PDB file of all heavy atoms in Angstrom:
ATOM      1  N   ASP A   1       0.874  -1.175   0.000  1.00  0.00           N
ATOM      2  CA  ASP A   1       0.000   0.000   0.000  1.00  0.00           C
ATOM      3  C   ASP A   1       0.909   1.222   0.000  1.00  0.00           C
ATOM      4  O   ASP A   1       1.482   1.591   1.032  1.00  0.00           O
ATOM      5  CB  ASP A   1      -0.893  -0.031   1.235  1.00  0.00           C
ATOM      6  CG  ASP A   1      -1.902   1.119   1.246  1.00  0.00           C
ATOM      7  OD1 ASP A   1      -1.617   2.175   0.658  1.00  0.00           O
ATOM      8  OD2 ASP A   1      -2.964   0.959   1.877  1.00  0.00           O
ATOM      9  N   ARG A   2       1.076   1.852  -1.155  1.00  0.00           N
ATOM     10  CA  ARG A   2       2.040   2.946  -1.269  1.00  0.00           C
ATOM     11  C   ARG A   2       1.688   4.116  -0.348  1.00  0.00           C
ATOM     12  O   ARG A   2       2.578   4.742   0.238  1.00  0.00           O
ATOM     13  CB  ARG A   2       2.132   3.416  -2.720  1.00  0.00           C
ATOM     14  CG  ARG A   2       2.771   2.389  -3.640  1.00  0.00           C
ATOM     15  CD  ARG A   2       3.129   2.988  -4.981  1.00  0.00           C
ATOM     16  NE  ARG A   2       3.941   2.075  -5.764  1.00  0.00           N
ATOM     17  CZ  ARG A   2       4.756   2.453  -6.738  1.00  0.00           C
ATOM     18  NH1 ARG A   2       4.853   3.728  -7.064  1.00  0.00           N
ATOM     19  NH2 ARG A   2       5.461   1.564  -7.406  1.00  0.00           N
ATOM     20  N   LYS A   3       0.425   4.417  -0.245  1.00  0.00           N
ATOM     21  CA  LYS A   3       0.011   5.504   0.620  1.00  0.00           C
ATOM     22  C   LYS A   3       0.393   5.218   2.063  1.00  0.00           C
ATOM     23  O   LYS A   3       0.859   6.096   2.802  1.00  0.00           O
ATOM     24  CB  LYS A   3      -1.496   5.723   0.489  1.00  0.00           C
ATOM     25  CG  LYS A   3      -2.015   6.927   1.251  1.00  0.00           C
ATOM     26  CD  LYS A   3      -3.514   7.131   0.999  1.00  0.00           C
ATOM     27  CE  LYS A   3      -4.041   8.346   1.752  1.00  0.00           C
ATOM     28  NZ  LYS A   3      -5.496   8.553   1.506  1.00  0.00           N
ATOM     29  N   GLU A   4       0.204   3.959   2.463  1.00  0.00           N
ATOM     30  CA  GLU A   4       0.547   3.560   3.831  1.00  0.00           C
ATOM     31  C   GLU A   4       2.061   3.596   4.042  1.00  0.00           C
ATOM     32  O   GLU A   4       2.554   4.063   5.079  1.00  0.00           O
ATOM     33  CB  GLU A   4       0.003   2.157   4.105  1.00  0.00           C
ATOM     34  CG  GLU A   4       0.044   1.727   5.563  1.00  0.00           C
ATOM     35  CD  GLU A   4      -0.943   2.491   6.434  1.00  0.00           C
ATOM     36  OE1 GLU A   4      -1.910   3.066   5.915  1.00  0.00           O
ATOM     37  OE2 GLU A   4      -0.718   2.518   7.665  1.00  0.00           O
ATOM     38  N   GLU A   5       2.808   3.110   3.057  1.00  0.00           N
ATOM     39  CA  GLU A   5       4.268   3.078   3.180  1.00  0.00           C
ATOM     40  C   GLU A   5       4.861   4.482   3.259  1.00  0.00           C
ATOM     41  O   GLU A   5       5.923   4.687   3.838  1.00  0.00           O
ATOM     42  CB  GLU A   5       4.877   2.332   1.989  1.00  0.00           C
ATOM     43  CG  GLU A   5       4.641   0.838   1.980  1.00  0.00           C
ATOM     44  CD  GLU A   5       5.418   0.115   3.069  1.00  0.00           C
ATOM     45  OE1 GLU A   5       6.360   0.704   3.635  1.00  0.00           O
ATOM     46  OE2 GLU A   5       5.077  -1.052   3.357  1.00  0.00           O
ATOM     47  N   MET A   6       4.189   5.467   2.658  1.00  0.00           N
ATOM     48  CA  MET A   6       4.715   6.828   2.628  1.00  0.00           C
ATOM     49  C   MET A   6       4.417   7.611   3.910  1.00  0.00           C
ATOM     50  O   MET A   6       4.869   8.748   4.066  1.00  0.00           O
ATOM     51  CB  MET A   6       4.161   7.588   1.423  1.00  0.00           C
ATOM     52  CG  MET A   6       4.818   7.207   0.107  1.00  0.00           C
ATOM     53  SD  MET A   6       6.573   7.687   0.059  1.00  0.00           S
ATOM     54  CE  MET A   6       6.421   9.479   0.013  1.00  0.00           C
ATOM     55  N   LYS A   7       3.667   7.026   4.827  1.00  0.00           N
ATOM     56  CA  LYS A   7       3.442   7.690   6.103  1.00  0.00           C
ATOM     57  C   LYS A   7       4.754   7.765   6.875  1.00  0.00           C
ATOM     58  O   LYS A   7       5.523   6.798   6.907  1.00  0.00           O
ATOM     59  CB  LYS A   7       2.390   6.940   6.923  1.00  0.00           C
ATOM     60  CG  LYS A   7       0.982   7.046   6.341  1.00  0.00           C
ATOM     61  CD  LYS A   7      -0.023   6.300   7.202  1.00  0.00           C
ATOM     62  CE  LYS A   7      -1.444   6.448   6.641  1.00  0.00           C
ATOM     63  NZ  LYS A   7      -2.429   5.680   7.447  1.00  0.00           N
ATOM     64  N   GLU A   8       5.011   8.903   7.503  1.00  0.00           N
ATOM     65  CA  GLU A   8       6.299   9.110   8.176  1.00  0.00           C
ATOM     66  C   GLU A   8       6.580   8.028   9.218  1.00  0.00           C
ATOM     67  O   GLU A   8       7.714   7.552   9.348  1.00  0.00           O
ATOM     68  CB  GLU A   8       6.349  10.485   8.835  1.00  0.00           C
ATOM     69  CG  GLU A   8       7.690  10.747   9.503  1.00  0.00           C
ATOM     70  CD  GLU A   8       7.846  12.163  10.029  1.00  0.00           C
ATOM     71  OE1 GLU A   8       7.119  13.056   9.540  1.00  0.00           O
ATOM     72  OE2 GLU A   8       8.694  12.362  10.918  1.00  0.00           O
ATOM     73  N   ALA A   9       5.562   7.605   9.942  1.00  0.00           N
ATOM     74  CA  ALA A   9       5.781   6.591  10.980  1.00  0.00           C
ATOM     75  C   ALA A   9       6.298   5.289  10.384  1.00  0.00           C
ATOM     76  O   ALA A   9       7.172   4.623  10.973  1.00  0.00           O
ATOM     77  CB  ALA A   9       4.479   6.344  11.741  1.00  0.00           C
ATOM     78  N   ASN A  10       5.793   4.919   9.215  1.00  0.00           N
ATOM     79  CA  ASN A  10       6.241   3.671   8.593  1.00  0.00           C
ATOM     80  C   ASN A  10       7.626   3.820   7.968  1.00  0.00           C
ATOM     81  O   ASN A  10       8.423   2.869   7.947  1.00  0.00           O
ATOM     82  CB  ASN A  10       5.226   3.229   7.551  1.00  0.00           C
ATOM     83  CG  ASN A  10       3.933   2.753   8.194  1.00  0.00           C
ATOM     84  OD1 ASN A  10       3.956   2.140   9.262  1.00  0.00           O
ATOM     85  ND2 ASN A  10       2.799   3.046   7.568  1.00  0.00           N
ATOM     86  N   ILE A  11       7.919   4.997   7.435  1.00  0.00           N
ATOM     87  CA  ILE A  11       9.279   5.232   6.929  1.00  0.00           C
ATOM     88  C   ILE A  11      10.275   5.157   8.084  1.00  0.00           C
ATOM     89  O   ILE A  11      11.341   4.540   7.971  1.00  0.00           O
ATOM     90  CB  ILE A  11       9.355   6.597   6.219  1.00  0.00           C
ATOM     91  CG1 ILE A  11       8.458   6.601   4.980  1.00  0.00           C
ATOM     92  CG2 ILE A  11      10.798   6.916   5.829  1.00  0.00           C
ATOM     93  CD1 ILE A  11       8.348   7.959   4.318  1.00  0.00           C
ATOM     94  N   ARG A  12       9.915   5.775   9.210  1.00  0.00           N
ATOM     95  CA  ARG A  12      10.801   5.736  10.374  1.00  0.00           C
ATOM     96  C   ARG A  12      10.976   4.312  10.907  1.00  0.00           C
ATOM     97  O   ARG A  12      12.053   3.956  11.404  1.00  0.00           O
ATOM     98  CB  ARG A  12      10.277   6.667  11.472  1.00  0.00           C
ATOM     99  CG  ARG A  12      10.479   8.143  11.155  1.00  0.00           C
ATOM    100  CD  ARG A  12      10.148   9.037  12.332  1.00  0.00           C
ATOM    101  NE  ARG A  12      10.455  10.425  12.031  1.00  0.00           N
ATOM    102  CZ  ARG A  12      11.669  10.975  12.172  1.00  0.00           C
ATOM    103  NH1 ARG A  12      12.666  10.238  12.657  1.00  0.00           N
ATOM    104  NH2 ARG A  12      11.875  12.241  11.869  1.00  0.00           N
ATOM    105  N   ARG A  13       9.937   3.526  10.813  1.00  0.00           N
ATOM    106  CA  ARG A  13      10.062   2.132  11.264  1.00  0.00           C
ATOM    107  C   ARG A  13      11.150   1.410  10.485  1.00  0.00           C
ATOM    108  O   ARG A  13      11.977   0.691  11.064  1.00  0.00           O
ATOM    109  CB  ARG A  13       8.709   1.420  11.103  1.00  0.00           C
ATOM    110  CG  ARG A  13       8.734  -0.078  11.405  1.00  0.00           C
ATOM    111  CD  ARG A  13       7.349  -0.688  11.249  1.00  0.00           C
ATOM    112  NE  ARG A  13       6.751  -0.415   9.952  1.00  0.00           N
ATOM    113  CZ  ARG A  13       7.069  -1.097   8.839  1.00  0.00           C
ATOM    114  NH1 ARG A  13       7.967  -2.068   8.872  1.00  0.00           N
ATOM    115  NH2 ARG A  13       6.452  -0.794   7.702  1.00  0.00           N
ATOM    116  N   ARG A  14      11.164   1.603   9.186  1.00  0.00           N
ATOM    117  CA  ARG A  14      12.205   0.967   8.363  1.00  0.00           C
ATOM    118  C   ARG A  14      13.585   1.557   8.665  1.00  0.00           C
ATOM    119  O   ARG A  14      14.578   0.830   8.783  1.00  0.00           O
ATOM    120  CB  ARG A  14      11.877   1.130   6.879  1.00  0.00           C
ATOM    121  CG  ARG A  14      10.666   0.324   6.417  1.00  0.00           C
ATOM    122  CD  ARG A  14      10.475   0.431   4.916  1.00  0.00           C
ATOM    123  NE  ARG A  14       9.286  -0.268   4.470  1.00  0.00           N
ATOM    124  CZ  ARG A  14       9.227  -1.581   4.219  1.00  0.00           C
ATOM    125  NH1 ARG A  14      10.305  -2.332   4.385  1.00  0.00           N
ATOM    126  NH2 ARG A  14       8.093  -2.137   3.816  1.00  0.00           N
ATOM    127  N   LEU A  15      13.645   2.878   8.774  1.00  0.00           N
ATOM    128  CA  LEU A  15      14.928   3.527   9.046  1.00  0.00           C
ATOM    129  C   LEU A  15      15.486   3.115  10.408  1.00  0.00           C
ATOM    130  O   LEU A  15      16.698   2.860  10.541  1.00  0.00           O
ATOM    131  CB  LEU A  15      14.767   5.042   8.965  1.00  0.00           C
ATOM    132  CG  LEU A  15      14.585   5.622   7.559  1.00  0.00           C
ATOM    133  CD1 LEU A  15      14.130   7.084   7.638  1.00  0.00           C
ATOM    134  CD2 LEU A  15      15.874   5.514   6.755  1.00  0.00           C
ATOM    135  N   ASP A  16      14.630   3.038  11.417  1.00  0.00           N
ATOM    136  CA  ASP A  16      15.090   2.651  12.748  1.00  0.00           C
ATOM    137  C   ASP A  16      15.616   1.227  12.757  1.00  0.00           C
ATOM    138  O   ASP A  16      16.619   0.913  13.416  1.00  0.00           O
ATOM    139  CB  ASP A  16      13.965   2.802  13.773  1.00  0.00           C
ATOM    140  CG  ASP A  16      13.615   4.259  14.046  1.00  0.00           C
ATOM    141  OD1 ASP A  16      14.435   5.141  13.707  1.00  0.00           O
ATOM    142  OD2 ASP A  16      12.510   4.515  14.582  1.00  0.00           O
ATOM    143  N   ALA A  17      14.943   0.348  12.024  1.00  0.00           N
ATOM    144  CA  ALA A  17      15.413  -1.038  11.942  1.00  0.00           C
ATOM    145  C   ALA A  17      16.776  -1.113  11.259  1.00  0.00           C
ATOM    146  O   ALA A  17      17.630  -1.929  11.626  1.00  0.00           O
ATOM    147  CB  ALA A  17      14.399  -1.886  11.179  1.00  0.00           C
ATOM    148  N   PHE A  18      16.989  -0.245  10.280  1.00  0.00           N
ATOM    149  CA  PHE A  18      18.251  -0.230   9.533  1.00  0.00           C
ATOM    150  C   PHE A  18      19.369   0.453  10.322  1.00  0.00           C
ATOM    151  O   PHE A  18      20.483  -0.071  10.451  1.00  0.00           O
ATOM    152  CB  PHE A  18      18.032   0.482   8.197  1.00  0.00           C
ATOM    153  CG  PHE A  18      19.276   0.751   7.419  1.00  0.00           C
ATOM    154  CD1 PHE A  18      20.160  -0.269   7.091  1.00  0.00           C
ATOM    155  CD2 PHE A  18      19.580   2.039   6.995  1.00  0.00           C
ATOM    156  CE1 PHE A  18      21.316  -0.020   6.363  1.00  0.00           C
ATOM    157  CE2 PHE A  18      20.724   2.296   6.264  1.00  0.00           C
ATOM    158  CZ  PHE A  18      21.595   1.265   5.949  1.00  0.00           C
ATOM    159  N   LEU A  19      19.088   1.618  10.877  1.00  0.00           N
ATOM    160  CA  LEU A  19      20.120   2.426  11.530  1.00  0.00           C
ATOM    161  C   LEU A  19      20.347   2.053  12.981  1.00  0.00           C
ATOM    162  O   LEU A  19      21.424   2.306  13.537  1.00  0.00           O
ATOM    163  CB  LEU A  19      19.741   3.908  11.453  1.00  0.00           C
ATOM    164  CG  LEU A  19      19.624   4.504  10.047  1.00  0.00           C
ATOM    165  CD1 LEU A  19      19.000   5.897  10.117  1.00  0.00           C
ATOM    166  CD2 LEU A  19      20.979   4.563   9.362  1.00  0.00           C
ATOM    167  N   GLY A  20      19.343   1.467  13.595  1.00  0.00           N
ATOM    168  CA  GLY A  20      19.423   1.181  15.016  1.00  0.00           C
ATOM    169  C   GLY A  20      18.661   2.219  15.825  1.00  0.00           C
ATOM    170  O   GLY A  20      18.607   3.399  15.465  1.00  0.00           O
ATOM    171  N   GLU A  21      18.068   1.798  16.896  1.00  0.00           N
ATOM    172  CA  GLU A  21      17.280   2.697  17.739  1.00  0.00           C
ATOM    173  C   GLU A  21      18.193   3.764  18.362  1.00  0.00           C
ATOM    174  O   GLU A  21      19.351   3.512  18.685  1.00  0.00           O
ATOM    175  CB  GLU A  21      16.586   1.899  18.853  1.00  0.00           C
ATOM    176  CG  GLU A  21      15.544   0.913  18.350  1.00  0.00           C
ATOM    177  CD  GLU A  21      14.270   1.603  17.907  1.00  0.00           C
ATOM    178  OE1 GLU A  21      14.116   2.806  18.202  1.00  0.00           O
ATOM    179  OE2 GLU A  21      13.420   0.934  17.275  1.00  0.00           O
ATOM    180  N   GLY A  22      17.623   4.943  18.521  1.00  0.00           N
ATOM    181  CA  GLY A  22      18.329   5.990  19.244  1.00  0.00           C
ATOM    182  C   GLY A  22      19.165   6.923  18.393  1.00  0.00           C
ATOM    183  O   GLY A  22      19.659   7.934  18.899  1.00  0.00           O
ATOM    184  N   LEU A  23      19.346   6.605  17.117  1.00  0.00           N
ATOM    185  CA  LEU A  23      20.125   7.477  16.244  1.00  0.00           C
ATOM    186  C   LEU A  23      19.217   8.580  15.697  1.00  0.00           C
ATOM    187  O   LEU A  23      18.205   8.310  15.059  1.00  0.00           O
ATOM    188  CB  LEU A  23      20.726   6.671  15.086  1.00  0.00           C
ATOM    189  CG  LEU A  23      21.624   7.453  14.135  1.00  0.00           C
ATOM    190  CD1 LEU A  23      22.853   7.972  14.866  1.00  0.00           C
ATOM    191  CD2 LEU A  23      22.062   6.559  12.977  1.00  0.00           C
ATOM    192  N   GLY A  24      19.568   9.825  15.983  1.00  0.00           N
ATOM    193  CA  GLY A  24      18.728  10.927  15.564  1.00  0.00           C
ATOM    194  C   GLY A  24      18.896  11.277  14.098  1.00  0.00           C
ATOM    195  O   GLY A  24      20.013  11.256  13.560  1.00  0.00           O
ATOM    196  N   TYR A  25      17.802  11.588  13.436  1.00  0.00           N
ATOM    197  CA  TYR A  25      17.843  11.997  12.030  1.00  0.00           C
ATOM    198  C   TYR A  25      16.562  12.740  11.700  1.00  0.00           C
ATOM    199  O   TYR A  25      15.559  12.636  12.407  1.00  0.00           O
ATOM    200  CB  TYR A  25      18.001  10.785  11.105  1.00  0.00           C
ATOM    201  CG  TYR A  25      16.905   9.766  11.232  1.00  0.00           C
ATOM    202  CD1 TYR A  25      15.699   9.900  10.532  1.00  0.00           C
ATOM    203  CD2 TYR A  25      17.058   8.656  12.064  1.00  0.00           C
ATOM    204  CE1 TYR A  25      14.682   8.965  10.668  1.00  0.00           C
ATOM    205  CE2 TYR A  25      16.045   7.717  12.196  1.00  0.00           C
ATOM    206  CZ  TYR A  25      14.863   7.878  11.501  1.00  0.00           C
ATOM    207  OH  TYR A  25      13.862   6.965  11.640  1.00  0.00           O
ATOM    208  N   ASP A  26      16.601  13.488  10.621  1.00  0.00           N
ATOM    209  CA  ASP A  26      15.421  14.174  10.101  1.00  0.00           C
ATOM    210  C   ASP A  26      15.155  13.676   8.688  1.00  0.00           C
ATOM    211  O   ASP A  26      16.082  13.590   7.871  1.00  0.00           O
ATOM    212  CB  ASP A  26      15.633  15.694  10.066  1.00  0.00           C
ATOM    213  CG  ASP A  26      15.799  16.294  11.450  1.00  0.00           C
ATOM    214  OD1 ASP A  26      14.995  15.951  12.328  1.00  0.00           O
ATOM    215  OD2 ASP A  26      16.742  17.094  11.641  1.00  0.00           O
TER     216      ASP A  26
END
């Protein structure tokens, strides 16, 4: 669901899994 995937919370979920929890980014 592209609309769902583009929600910031879901993008952050992927980024957090990749980068590791606690790493700050914008």
